[in-house]
Every structure is written in C-alpha cells, then in structure tokens.
Amino acid sequence: MTFYFILVIVICAACIVWFNVLAIRQGRAENQWAIVVVQLKKRFEYFLDLRDIVADLEMEEEAREEILEQLDDTHENFGYSYEATDLIAANTQAEELFQQITQNHQLPETEEVQAFKENWSNNTEQLNTQGELYDKSAKVFNMSTQQPHGRLISRLFGLHELHYFKEEVAEEESEPPAV
C-alpha cells in the first residue's frame, strides 16, 4: 500500500516537473517571438519610409502607381496582425517587393534613400539573428513535446507546437536523421 502511494507521488511529481520544463521552454520561445515581432514592426515603419521615397521618385506615373498599390497591399498585411504566419508572410512579401523596386527602378542616392537602405539592411540582420534564436527555442520546445511524456503533458495542458520563422527549420525537423 505504501509502495503504491509513493509511486503515485513520484509520478505526480514527475508530471509537475515535466510540465514546468515545457512551460519554461514555451516561455523562452514566446519571449524570442516577441523580439522578432518588434523587428517586424520596425520593418513596417521602414516600409512606410519606402512608400514616401517611391511617391517622390521621378518615373512614369503608371509604374509609380503600380508600385504604390503593391506597397499599400503589403502595408495592410504588415500592420494589423501579430500572428506568426501572417507577419512572416508579410515580411516575405515586403522583402520581395523591396528587391523588385531596387532592381527595376533606380533609387536616387539621396541621404533619405541611403538612410533607408542602411536601416533596412540593419533590420534584416537583426531579424535574421532574432529569427534564428526564436527557431532554436521553438525547436527545443517542439522536440520536447514530441517525446512520449512531453506529448502526454502537452495534450493534458493544451500546449501546441510552435511555428518556425524560417521554413528550413521545419523541413529539417521533418526529415529523418541520416544514419
């Protein structure tokens, strides 16, 4: 009788410890995601600067209006969501649009444009760095929830798998290890 009582206590203690481990790992990943969101919101503000720069460019009116329309569409996607997949998709769209603008249209070398390019570049570096840190934290959490005891605890307490900032991390995780 005492043996079973002690066994139940040990199992309950193990569940509590594992839940705390999962909660800490999830909290770390969520904190990293908050930093990524800050960088994405900064990118949103730089994006508004890009719109002002394009509006002042000397180019065909039709081409300018097309670019401004694309910028406005991306702006709508960027500004109103904190969901991981929405922000990542908007960031990808913004990056592609920025590349398209710089490749297809000669931006004047004004101080404003130089400052924008420098801010965009610095933000890209920060975003990539913080995204990698978030992906590592998310991967640790996701791997923890895939272990048998982690799967049980995560289902009991409603902990869900986290999305990744970069798709390559999700693809790496789904591939079986090479032997």
C-alpha atoms as a PDB file:
ATOM      1  CA  MET A   1       0.000   0.000   0.000  1.00  0.00           C
ATOM      2  CA  THR A   2       2.783   2.411   0.932  1.00  0.00           C
ATOM      3  CA  PHE A   3       4.623   1.441  -2.231  1.00  0.00           C
ATOM      4  CA  TYR A   4       1.664   2.465  -4.429  1.00  0.00           C
ATOM      5  CA  PHE A   5       1.210   5.697  -2.539  1.00  0.00           C
ATOM      6  CA  ILE A   6       4.881   6.578  -3.062  1.00  0.00           C
ATOM      7  CA  LEU A   7       4.643   5.551  -6.731  1.00  0.00           C
ATOM      8  CA  VAL A   8       1.652   7.861  -7.290  1.00  0.00           C
ATOM      9  CA  ILE A   9       3.507  10.731  -5.593  1.00  0.00           C
ATOM     10  CA  VAL A  10       6.607  10.131  -7.744  1.00  0.00           C
ATOM     11  CA  ILE A  11       4.520  10.042 -10.943  1.00  0.00           C
ATOM     12  CA  CYS A  12       2.692  13.242  -9.964  1.00  0.00           C
ATOM     13  CA  ALA A  13       5.999  14.945  -9.122  1.00  0.00           C
ATOM     14  CA  ALA A  14       7.467  13.865 -12.482  1.00  0.00           C
ATOM     15  CA  CYS A  15       4.414  15.276 -14.299  1.00  0.00           C
ATOM     16  CA  ILE A  16       4.727  18.577 -12.440  1.00  0.00           C
ATOM     17  CA  VAL A  17       8.449  18.805 -13.214  1.00  0.00           C
ATOM     18  CA  TRP A  18       7.944  17.989 -16.900  1.00  0.00           C
ATOM     19  CA  PHE A  19       5.081  20.491 -17.176  1.00  0.00           C
ATOM     20  CA  ASN A  20       7.353  23.165 -15.675  1.00  0.00           C
ATOM     21  CA  VAL A  21      10.114  22.258 -18.153  1.00  0.00           C
ATOM     22  CA  LEU A  22       7.651  22.602 -21.051  1.00  0.00           C
ATOM     23  CA  ALA A  23       6.252  25.862 -19.684  1.00  0.00           C
ATOM     24  CA  ILE A  24       9.747  27.345 -19.333  1.00  0.00           C
ATOM     25  CA  ARG A  25      10.708  26.282 -22.859  1.00  0.00           C
ATOM     26  CA  GLN A  26       7.477  27.668 -24.275  1.00  0.00           C
ATOM     27  CA  GLY A  27       8.026  30.924 -22.367  1.00  0.00           C
ATOM     28  CA  ARG A  28      11.540  31.277 -23.797  1.00  0.00           C
ATOM     29  CA  ALA A  29      10.236  30.737 -27.313  1.00  0.00           C
ATOM     30  CA  GLU A  30       7.421  33.238 -26.783  1.00  0.00           C
ATOM     31  CA  ASN A  31       9.902  35.822 -25.484  1.00  0.00           C
ATOM     32  CA  GLN A  32      12.073  35.281 -28.568  1.00  0.00           C
ATOM     33  CA  TRP A  33       8.997  35.650 -30.763  1.00  0.00           C
ATOM     34  CA  ALA A  34       8.190  38.968 -29.073  1.00  0.00           C
ATOM     35  CA  ILE A  35      11.648  40.219 -30.090  1.00  0.00           C
ATOM     36  CA  VAL A  36      11.016  39.058 -33.675  1.00  0.00           C
ATOM     37  CA  VAL A  37       7.683  40.913 -33.657  1.00  0.00           C
ATOM     38  CA  VAL A  38       9.485  44.097 -32.571  1.00  0.00           C
ATOM     39  CA  GLN A  39      11.868  43.748 -35.525  1.00  0.00           C
ATOM     40  CA  LEU A  40       8.963  43.091 -37.890  1.00  0.00           C
ATOM     41  CA  LYS A  41       7.148  46.170 -36.603  1.00  0.00           C
ATOM     42  CA  LYS A  42      10.312  48.238 -37.137  1.00  0.00           C
ATOM     43  CA  ARG A  43      10.400  46.872 -40.669  1.00  0.00           C
ATOM     44  CA  PHE A  44       6.797  48.038 -41.031  1.00  0.00           C
ATOM     45  CA  GLU A  45       7.869  51.583 -40.139  1.00  0.00           C
ATOM     46  CA  TYR A  46      10.761  51.416 -42.620  1.00  0.00           C
ATOM     47  CA  PHE A  47       8.264  50.194 -45.156  1.00  0.00           C
ATOM     48  CA  LEU A  48       6.287  53.407 -44.685  1.00  0.00           C
ATOM     49  CA  ASP A  49       9.502  55.325 -45.417  1.00  0.00           C
ATOM     50  CA  LEU A  50       9.896  53.323 -48.633  1.00  0.00           C
ATOM     51  CA  ARG A  51       6.410  54.337 -49.678  1.00  0.00           C
ATOM     52  CA  ASP A  52       7.314  58.014 -49.208  1.00  0.00           C
ATOM     53  CA  ILE A  53      10.519  57.544 -51.212  1.00  0.00           C
ATOM     54  CA  VAL A  54       8.689  55.836 -54.090  1.00  0.00           C
ATOM     55  CA  ALA A  55       5.991  58.529 -54.075  1.00  0.00           C
ATOM     56  CA  ASP A  56       8.725  61.141 -54.673  1.00  0.00           C
ATOM     57  CA  LEU A  57      10.534  59.193 -57.435  1.00  0.00           C
ATOM     58  CA  GLU A  58      10.674  60.605 -60.908  1.00  0.00           C
ATOM     59  CA  MET A  59       9.204  57.823 -63.038  1.00  0.00           C
ATOM     60  CA  GLU A  60       6.229  57.011 -65.188  1.00  0.00           C
ATOM     61  CA  GLU A  61       3.013  57.757 -63.335  1.00  0.00           C
ATOM     62  CA  GLU A  62       1.581  54.323 -64.163  1.00  0.00           C
ATOM     63  CA  ALA A  63       4.655  52.488 -62.826  1.00  0.00           C
ATOM     64  CA  ARG A  64       4.703  54.611 -59.650  1.00  0.00           C
ATOM     65  CA  GLU A  65       1.006  53.956 -59.038  1.00  0.00           C
ATOM     66  CA  GLU A  66       1.512  50.206 -59.516  1.00  0.00           C
ATOM     67  CA  ILE A  67       4.364  50.153 -57.003  1.00  0.00           C
ATOM     68  CA  LEU A  68       2.419  52.296 -54.532  1.00  0.00           C
ATOM     69  CA  GLU A  69      -0.551  49.959 -54.857  1.00  0.00           C
ATOM     70  CA  GLN A  70       1.681  46.949 -54.118  1.00  0.00           C
ATOM     71  CA  LEU A  71       3.208  48.815 -51.177  1.00  0.00           C
ATOM     72  CA  ASP A  72      -0.255  49.623 -49.841  1.00  0.00           C
ATOM     73  CA  ASP A  73      -1.347  45.979 -50.152  1.00  0.00           C
ATOM     74  CA  THR A  74       1.745  44.827 -48.289  1.00  0.00           C
ATOM     75  CA  HIS A  75       1.222  47.602 -45.738  1.00  0.00           C
ATOM     76  CA  GLU A  76      -2.240  46.224 -44.969  1.00  0.00           C
ATOM     77  CA  ASN A  77      -0.824  42.726 -44.437  1.00  0.00           C
ATOM     78  CA  PHE A  78       2.011  44.026 -42.312  1.00  0.00           C
ATOM     79  CA  GLY A  79       0.340  46.373 -39.925  1.00  0.00           C
ATOM     80  CA  TYR A  80      -2.585  44.608 -38.378  1.00  0.00           C
ATOM     81  CA  SER A  81      -1.587  41.159 -37.238  1.00  0.00           C
ATOM     82  CA  TYR A  82       0.621  39.612 -34.602  1.00  0.00           C
ATOM     83  CA  GLU A  83       0.056  36.066 -35.851  1.00  0.00           C
ATOM     84  CA  ALA A  84       3.343  34.364 -36.702  1.00  0.00           C
ATOM     85  CA  THR A  85       2.338  33.131 -40.132  1.00  0.00           C
ATOM     86  CA  ASP A  86       0.786  36.493 -41.134  1.00  0.00           C
ATOM     87  CA  LEU A  87       3.822  38.507 -40.079  1.00  0.00           C
ATOM     88  CA  ILE A  88       6.246  36.128 -41.741  1.00  0.00           C
ATOM     89  CA  ALA A  89       4.232  36.154 -44.977  1.00  0.00           C
ATOM     90  CA  ALA A  90       4.023  39.963 -44.931  1.00  0.00           C
ATOM     91  CA  ASN A  91       7.769  40.193 -44.288  1.00  0.00           C
ATOM     92  CA  THR A  92       8.498  37.878 -47.218  1.00  0.00           C
ATOM     93  CA  GLN A  93       6.203  39.939 -49.412  1.00  0.00           C
ATOM     94  CA  ALA A  94       7.902  43.176 -48.298  1.00  0.00           C
ATOM     95  CA  GLU A  95      11.374  41.750 -48.928  1.00  0.00           C
ATOM     96  CA  GLU A  96      10.395  40.628 -52.448  1.00  0.00           C
ATOM     97  CA  LEU A  97       8.804  43.980 -53.194  1.00  0.00           C
ATOM     98  CA  PHE A  98      11.870  45.863 -51.946  1.00  0.00           C
ATOM     99  CA  GLN A  99      14.122  43.695 -54.153  1.00  0.00           C
ATOM    100  CA  GLN A 100      11.821  44.306 -57.117  1.00  0.00           C
ATOM    101  CA  ILE A 101      11.860  48.068 -56.584  1.00  0.00           C
ATOM    102  CA  THR A 102      15.644  48.268 -56.210  1.00  0.00           C
ATOM    103  CA  GLN A 103      16.248  46.052 -59.252  1.00  0.00           C
ATOM    104  CA  ASN A 104      13.695  47.628 -61.594  1.00  0.00           C
ATOM    105  CA  HIS A 105      13.951  51.286 -60.577  1.00  0.00           C
ATOM    106  CA  GLN A 106      16.990  53.392 -59.917  1.00  0.00           C
ATOM    107  CA  LEU A 107      16.523  54.931 -56.497  1.00  0.00           C
ATOM    108  CA  PRO A 108      18.229  58.321 -56.222  1.00  0.00           C
ATOM    109  CA  GLU A 109      21.275  58.417 -53.965  1.00  0.00           C
ATOM    110  CA  THR A 110      19.875  60.952 -51.520  1.00  0.00           C
ATOM    111  CA  GLU A 111      20.560  60.945 -47.786  1.00  0.00           C
ATOM    112  CA  GLU A 112      16.995  59.762 -47.228  1.00  0.00           C
ATOM    113  CA  VAL A 113      17.455  56.770 -49.536  1.00  0.00           C
ATOM    114  CA  GLN A 114      20.862  55.925 -48.052  1.00  0.00           C
ATOM    115  CA  ALA A 115      19.397  56.061 -44.531  1.00  0.00           C
ATOM    116  CA  PHE A 116      16.521  53.857 -45.622  1.00  0.00           C
ATOM    117  CA  LYS A 117      18.840  51.274 -47.200  1.00  0.00           C
ATOM    118  CA  GLU A 118      21.043  51.220 -44.099  1.00  0.00           C
ATOM    119  CA  ASN A 119      18.048  50.861 -41.767  1.00  0.00           C
ATOM    120  CA  TRP A 120      16.576  48.128 -43.959  1.00  0.00           C
ATOM    121  CA  SER A 121      19.892  46.259 -44.038  1.00  0.00           C
ATOM    122  CA  ASN A 122      20.403  46.534 -40.264  1.00  0.00           C
ATOM    123  CA  ASN A 123      16.839  45.444 -39.646  1.00  0.00           C
ATOM    124  CA  THR A 124      17.300  42.460 -41.973  1.00  0.00           C
ATOM    125  CA  GLU A 125      20.381  41.378 -40.000  1.00  0.00           C
ATOM    126  CA  GLN A 126      18.571  41.778 -36.677  1.00  0.00           C
ATOM    127  CA  LEU A 127      15.516  39.988 -37.996  1.00  0.00           C
ATOM    128  CA  ASN A 128      17.574  37.048 -39.250  1.00  0.00           C
ATOM    129  CA  THR A 129      19.521  36.818 -35.986  1.00  0.00           C
ATOM    130  CA  GLN A 130      16.433  37.016 -33.787  1.00  0.00           C
ATOM    131  CA  GLY A 131      14.550  34.666 -36.105  1.00  0.00           C
ATOM    132  CA  GLU A 132      17.302  32.061 -35.752  1.00  0.00           C
ATOM    133  CA  LEU A 133      17.220  32.382 -31.956  1.00  0.00           C
ATOM    134  CA  TYR A 134      13.435  32.000 -31.980  1.00  0.00           C
ATOM    135  CA  ASP A 135      13.670  28.965 -34.274  1.00  0.00           C
ATOM    136  CA  LYS A 136      16.149  27.315 -31.880  1.00  0.00           C
ATOM    137  CA  SER A 137      13.843  27.954 -28.925  1.00  0.00           C
ATOM    138  CA  ALA A 138      10.793  26.745 -30.854  1.00  0.00           C
ATOM    139  CA  LYS A 139      12.657  23.636 -31.994  1.00  0.00           C
ATOM    140  CA  VAL A 140      13.667  22.768 -28.413  1.00  0.00           C
ATOM    141  CA  PHE A 141      10.069  23.203 -27.268  1.00  0.00           C
ATOM    142  CA  ASN A 142       8.626  21.238 -30.203  1.00  0.00           C
ATOM    143  CA  MET A 143      11.106  18.397 -29.711  1.00  0.00           C
ATOM    144  CA  SER A 144      10.195  18.305 -26.015  1.00  0.00           C
ATOM    145  CA  THR A 145       6.512  17.973 -26.824  1.00  0.00           C
ATOM    146  CA  GLN A 146       7.223  15.134 -29.242  1.00  0.00           C
ATOM    147  CA  GLN A 147       8.773  12.916 -26.583  1.00  0.00           C
ATOM    148  CA  PRO A 148       6.265  10.419 -25.112  1.00  0.00           C
ATOM    149  CA  HIS A 149       5.968  12.077 -21.696  1.00  0.00           C
ATOM    150  CA  GLY A 150       6.037  15.542 -23.318  1.00  0.00           C
ATOM    151  CA  ARG A 151       3.264  14.546 -25.708  1.00  0.00           C
ATOM    152  CA  LEU A 152       1.114  13.395 -22.787  1.00  0.00           C
ATOM    153  CA  ILE A 153       1.701  16.552 -20.726  1.00  0.00           C
ATOM    154  CA  SER A 154       1.254  18.898 -23.700  1.00  0.00           C
ATOM    155  CA  ARG A 155      -2.074  17.273 -24.593  1.00  0.00           C
ATOM    156  CA  LEU A 156      -3.282  17.411 -20.998  1.00  0.00           C
ATOM    157  CA  PHE A 157      -2.471  21.108 -20.658  1.00  0.00           C
ATOM    158  CA  GLY A 158      -3.195  22.258 -24.221  1.00  0.00           C
ATOM    159  CA  LEU A 159       0.359  23.159 -25.241  1.00  0.00           C
ATOM    160  CA  HIS A 160       0.633  23.321 -29.025  1.00  0.00           C
ATOM    161  CA  GLU A 161       3.549  23.043 -31.417  1.00  0.00           C
ATOM    162  CA  LEU A 162       5.117  26.391 -32.320  1.00  0.00           C
ATOM    163  CA  HIS A 163       5.545  27.683 -35.882  1.00  0.00           C
ATOM    164  CA  TYR A 164       9.018  28.420 -37.211  1.00  0.00           C
ATOM    165  CA  PHE A 165      10.300  31.737 -38.511  1.00  0.00           C
ATOM    166  CA  LYS A 166      12.238  30.072 -41.310  1.00  0.00           C
ATOM    167  CA  GLU A 167      10.764  27.195 -43.250  1.00  0.00           C
ATOM    168  CA  GLU A 168      14.118  25.394 -43.453  1.00  0.00           C
ATOM    169  CA  VAL A 169      13.955  24.584 -39.729  1.00  0.00           C
ATOM    170  CA  ALA A 170      10.568  22.904 -40.112  1.00  0.00           C
ATOM    171  CA  GLU A 171      11.856  20.938 -43.116  1.00  0.00           C
ATOM    172  CA  GLU A 172      14.971  19.817 -41.211  1.00  0.00           C
ATOM    173  CA  GLU A 173      12.807  18.616 -38.345  1.00  0.00           C
ATOM    174  CA  SER A 174      10.546  16.558 -40.613  1.00  0.00           C
ATOM    175  CA  GLU A 175      13.448  14.776 -42.321  1.00  0.00           C
ATOM    176  CA  PRO A 176      14.607  11.553 -40.689  1.00  0.00           C
ATOM    177  CA  PRO A 177      18.179  11.657 -39.372  1.00  0.00           C
ATOM    178  CA  ALA A 178      20.856  10.257 -41.660  1.00  0.00           C
ATOM    179  CA  VAL A 179      22.396   7.010 -40.470  1.00  0.00           C
END
